[in-house]
Amino acid sequence: MLKIYGVYRSRASRPLWLLAELGLTFDHVPVIQASRLERSDADDAPLNTASPAYLEVNPLGQIPCMEDDGLILTESLAITLHIARQHGGGIGPASEAEDAQMVNWALFAATSIEPPALEIQLIQRAGGEASAEGQAAISIAAERLRRPFDRLERHLATQDWLVGSRFTVADLNTAEVVRYAQGHAPLLEARPALADWLGRCQSRPAFREMMQHRLAEPE
């Protein structure tokens, strides 16, 4: 059986959202980040990314991780692309060209969007918006997002979805990365097509199910 390691408050949200979309039966092992524990090596510590048992599965000590019939993958976007290819139906690629597009969007999200978007989220979570330094750092990160977000805006101004005129794993992967910067309102206010697309992604029942689980976990 397909197995996913990782709590919802991690990049495991990506494959867990996808699995909710597909209604697949899978084994979920809620490995938590060691950095979130006071003592990850305590006798009563939950299974975490520093646990020897987990490091045998993923020596990188990161989540998520996937096991599927002997195949182990340790990168969240590779995991979602694999699941979509194997089990995704319309959410997965319908041709080699679509598969290439989905890989392209995943790499675009990971390299062009995630670093500055995550920086915005981390500053906001730490209350950095209250300081001039934090506001300046957010402005710099937002400027780094200007070109990739403009690319998404142009694409979505003429197409409802990223690939194949339907919701696919490309939308799921990219939406979960864009979400990191969602709290900085000017980025989406200036890009109505991008904002509308993100809203449609996040209105899906499977996304809401994933977020309910995520919000139920301790921070």
Protein backbone atom coordinates (compact mmCIF):
# COMPACT_ATOMS: atom_id res chain seq x y z
CA MET A 1 0.00 0.00 0.00
CA LEU A 2 1.15 3.53 -0.73
CA LYS A 3 2.56 5.17 2.41
CA ILE A 4 3.06 8.86 3.15
CA TYR A 5 5.31 10.02 5.99
CA GLY A 6 4.77 13.51 7.38
CA VAL A 7 2.36 15.68 9.33
CA TYR A 8 -0.12 17.98 7.59
CA ARG A 9 1.79 21.06 8.80
CA SER A 10 4.58 20.41 6.33
CA ARG A 11 5.07 19.97 2.60
CA ALA A 12 3.25 16.68 3.09
CA SER A 13 0.15 18.84 2.58
CA ARG A 14 0.79 18.50 -1.15
CA PRO A 15 0.52 14.71 -1.52
CA LEU A 16 -2.13 14.58 1.21
CA TRP A 17 -4.30 17.05 -0.71
CA LEU A 18 -3.80 15.04 -3.89
CA LEU A 19 -4.72 11.77 -2.19
CA ALA A 20 -7.88 13.40 -0.86
CA GLU A 21 -8.72 14.47 -4.42
CA LEU A 22 -8.26 10.91 -5.66
CA GLY A 23 -9.93 9.15 -2.76
CA LEU A 24 -7.09 6.62 -2.63
CA THR A 25 -6.53 4.31 0.31
CA PHE A 26 -3.07 4.87 1.78
CA ASP A 27 -1.11 4.51 4.98
CA HIS A 28 -0.34 7.83 6.70
CA VAL A 29 2.58 7.94 9.15
CA PRO A 30 2.48 11.39 10.86
CA VAL A 31 6.21 12.05 11.26
CA ILE A 32 6.74 15.49 12.86
CA GLN A 33 9.67 17.85 12.37
CA ALA A 34 12.31 17.36 15.09
CA SER A 35 12.73 21.15 15.28
CA ARG A 36 9.20 21.46 16.64
CA LEU A 37 9.93 19.27 19.65
CA GLU A 38 11.64 20.31 22.88
CA ARG A 39 13.57 17.03 22.88
CA SER A 40 13.34 14.93 19.77
CA ASP A 41 15.34 12.15 21.42
CA ALA A 42 13.19 11.84 24.55
CA ASP A 43 11.82 8.40 25.33
CA ASP A 44 8.25 9.64 24.87
CA ALA A 45 8.96 11.77 21.79
CA PRO A 46 6.71 11.05 18.81
CA LEU A 47 8.20 9.69 15.60
CA ASN A 48 10.08 12.63 14.15
CA THR A 49 12.58 13.54 11.47
CA ALA A 50 15.51 12.81 13.80
CA SER A 51 14.21 9.42 14.95
CA PRO A 52 16.55 6.57 13.97
CA ALA A 53 13.56 4.59 12.69
CA TYR A 54 12.61 7.40 10.32
CA LEU A 55 16.19 8.06 9.23
CA GLU A 56 16.30 4.47 8.01
CA VAL A 57 13.48 5.40 5.63
CA ASN A 58 14.77 8.83 4.64
CA PRO A 59 18.38 9.56 5.63
CA LEU A 60 17.81 13.22 4.75
CA GLY A 61 15.57 13.52 7.80
CA GLN A 62 12.97 15.53 5.90
CA ILE A 63 9.25 15.18 5.28
CA PRO A 64 7.33 14.18 3.32
CA CYS A 65 8.54 10.82 2.14
CA MET A 66 6.65 8.24 0.10
CA GLU A 67 6.91 4.49 -0.20
CA ASP A 68 5.02 2.85 -3.07
CA ASP A 69 5.69 -0.80 -3.88
CA GLY A 70 9.38 -0.49 -3.07
CA LEU A 71 9.82 2.97 -4.60
CA ILE A 72 10.91 5.66 -2.14
CA LEU A 73 10.66 9.35 -3.02
CA THR A 74 11.73 12.17 -0.71
CA GLU A 75 10.68 15.34 -2.58
CA SER A 76 7.07 16.48 -2.26
CA LEU A 77 6.63 17.59 -5.87
CA ALA A 78 8.16 14.38 -7.19
CA ILE A 79 5.76 12.48 -4.95
CA THR A 80 2.69 14.29 -6.26
CA LEU A 81 3.80 13.91 -9.88
CA HIS A 82 4.35 10.17 -9.37
CA ILE A 83 0.98 9.66 -7.71
CA ALA A 84 -0.75 11.65 -10.44
CA ARG A 85 0.91 9.60 -13.18
CA GLN A 86 0.08 6.29 -11.52
CA HIS A 87 -3.34 6.96 -10.05
CA GLY A 88 -4.48 10.42 -11.09
CA GLY A 89 -6.87 9.92 -13.98
CA GLY A 90 -7.72 13.39 -15.23
CA ILE A 91 -5.60 15.00 -12.52
CA GLY A 92 -2.56 13.37 -14.08
CA PRO A 93 -1.09 13.82 -17.56
CA ALA A 94 -3.04 12.69 -20.62
CA SER A 95 0.03 12.76 -22.89
CA GLU A 96 3.80 13.09 -22.82
CA ALA A 97 3.43 16.77 -23.63
CA GLU A 98 1.15 17.30 -20.63
CA ASP A 99 3.55 15.36 -18.43
CA ALA A 100 6.38 17.66 -19.52
CA GLN A 101 4.24 20.72 -18.80
CA MET A 102 3.39 19.43 -15.33
CA VAL A 103 7.05 18.85 -14.54
CA ASN A 104 7.85 22.32 -15.87
CA TRP A 105 5.24 23.99 -13.64
CA ALA A 106 6.47 22.01 -10.62
CA LEU A 107 10.06 23.15 -11.17
CA PHE A 108 8.89 26.71 -11.81
CA ALA A 109 6.98 26.67 -8.51
CA ALA A 110 9.89 25.21 -6.58
CA THR A 111 12.60 27.49 -7.96
CA SER A 112 10.92 30.78 -8.90
CA ILE A 113 8.13 31.04 -6.31
CA GLU A 114 8.81 28.97 -3.21
CA PRO A 115 11.92 30.68 -1.77
CA PRO A 116 10.58 34.27 -1.66
CA ALA A 117 7.00 33.14 -0.93
CA LEU A 118 8.15 31.07 2.04
CA GLU A 119 10.23 33.99 3.26
CA ILE A 120 7.10 36.16 3.32
CA GLN A 121 5.18 33.54 5.27
CA LEU A 122 7.95 33.05 7.83
CA ILE A 123 8.31 36.79 8.43
CA GLN A 124 4.56 37.18 8.89
CA ARG A 125 4.34 34.22 11.27
CA ALA A 126 7.10 35.72 13.40
CA GLY A 127 5.27 39.06 13.57
CA GLY A 128 7.87 40.75 11.42
CA GLU A 129 5.33 42.96 9.67
CA ALA A 130 5.26 45.10 12.80
CA SER A 131 8.82 46.29 12.21
CA ALA A 132 10.34 48.42 9.48
CA GLU A 133 12.95 45.74 8.89
CA GLY A 134 10.30 43.07 8.44
CA GLN A 135 8.30 45.22 6.06
CA ALA A 136 11.42 45.90 4.02
CA ALA A 137 12.23 42.20 3.82
CA ILE A 138 8.68 41.42 2.69
CA SER A 139 8.93 44.11 0.01
CA ILE A 140 12.16 42.59 -1.30
CA ALA A 141 10.63 39.09 -1.38
CA ALA A 142 7.49 40.43 -3.08
CA GLU A 143 9.61 42.05 -5.75
CA ARG A 144 11.29 38.70 -6.39
CA LEU A 145 7.81 37.28 -6.95
CA ARG A 146 6.77 40.00 -9.39
CA ARG A 147 7.98 38.27 -12.56
CA PRO A 148 6.82 34.71 -11.72
CA PHE A 149 3.44 35.97 -10.51
CA ASP A 150 3.10 38.08 -13.65
CA ARG A 151 3.78 34.95 -15.69
CA LEU A 152 0.99 33.13 -13.88
CA GLU A 153 -1.33 36.11 -14.31
CA ARG A 154 -0.79 36.21 -18.07
CA HIS A 155 -1.35 32.47 -18.40
CA LEU A 156 -4.47 32.42 -16.23
CA ALA A 157 -5.97 35.48 -17.88
CA THR A 158 -6.73 33.29 -20.92
CA GLN A 159 -6.96 29.79 -19.39
CA ASP A 160 -8.80 28.54 -16.33
CA TRP A 161 -6.12 26.02 -15.36
CA LEU A 162 -2.39 25.53 -15.92
CA VAL A 163 -2.53 22.40 -18.11
CA GLY A 164 -5.18 20.86 -20.33
CA SER A 165 -8.17 23.07 -19.47
CA ARG A 166 -8.86 21.12 -16.25
CA PHE A 167 -7.67 21.01 -12.65
CA THR A 168 -4.50 18.88 -12.53
CA VAL A 169 -1.55 18.15 -10.29
CA ALA A 170 0.12 21.19 -11.88
CA ASP A 171 -2.49 23.45 -10.28
CA LEU A 172 -2.25 21.63 -6.95
CA ASN A 173 1.53 21.85 -6.76
CA THR A 174 1.67 25.49 -7.79
CA ALA A 175 -1.24 26.58 -5.58
CA GLU A 176 0.37 25.06 -2.50
CA VAL A 177 3.51 27.09 -3.17
CA VAL A 178 1.66 30.32 -3.99
CA ARG A 179 -0.22 29.90 -0.69
CA TYR A 180 2.91 30.83 1.23
CA ALA A 181 2.69 34.39 -0.09
CA GLN A 182 -1.10 34.63 0.09
CA GLY A 183 -0.96 36.65 3.30
CA HIS A 184 0.69 39.57 1.49
CA ALA A 185 -2.49 40.98 -0.04
CA PRO A 186 -0.94 43.36 -2.63
CA LEU A 187 0.50 40.43 -4.59
CA LEU A 188 -2.94 39.03 -5.41
CA GLU A 189 -4.84 42.31 -5.46
CA ALA A 190 -2.72 43.35 -8.44
CA ARG A 191 -3.35 40.03 -10.24
CA PRO A 192 -7.08 39.20 -10.42
CA ALA A 193 -6.72 36.14 -12.66
CA LEU A 194 -4.17 34.61 -10.31
CA ALA A 195 -6.34 35.41 -7.29
CA ASP A 196 -9.42 33.88 -8.94
CA TRP A 197 -7.49 30.71 -9.85
CA LEU A 198 -6.11 30.34 -6.34
CA GLY A 199 -9.59 30.78 -4.93
CA ARG A 200 -10.94 28.03 -7.20
CA CYS A 201 -8.14 25.69 -6.17
CA GLN A 202 -8.75 26.36 -2.50
CA SER A 203 -12.53 25.99 -2.79
CA ARG A 204 -12.17 22.35 -3.76
CA PRO A 205 -13.52 19.93 -1.13
CA ALA A 206 -10.25 17.99 -1.02
CA PHE A 207 -8.26 21.14 -0.27
CA ARG A 208 -10.68 22.05 2.51
CA GLU A 209 -10.40 18.55 3.93
CA MET A 210 -6.61 18.79 3.90
CA MET A 211 -6.70 22.20 5.59
CA GLN A 212 -9.06 20.95 8.30
CA HIS A 213 -6.53 18.27 9.18
CA ARG A 214 -3.69 20.80 9.00
CA LEU A 215 -5.40 23.30 11.29
CA ALA A 216 -6.28 20.54 13.76
CA GLU A 217 -2.60 19.79 14.30
CA PRO A 218 -0.68 21.73 16.94
CA GLU A 219 1.49 24.55 15.61
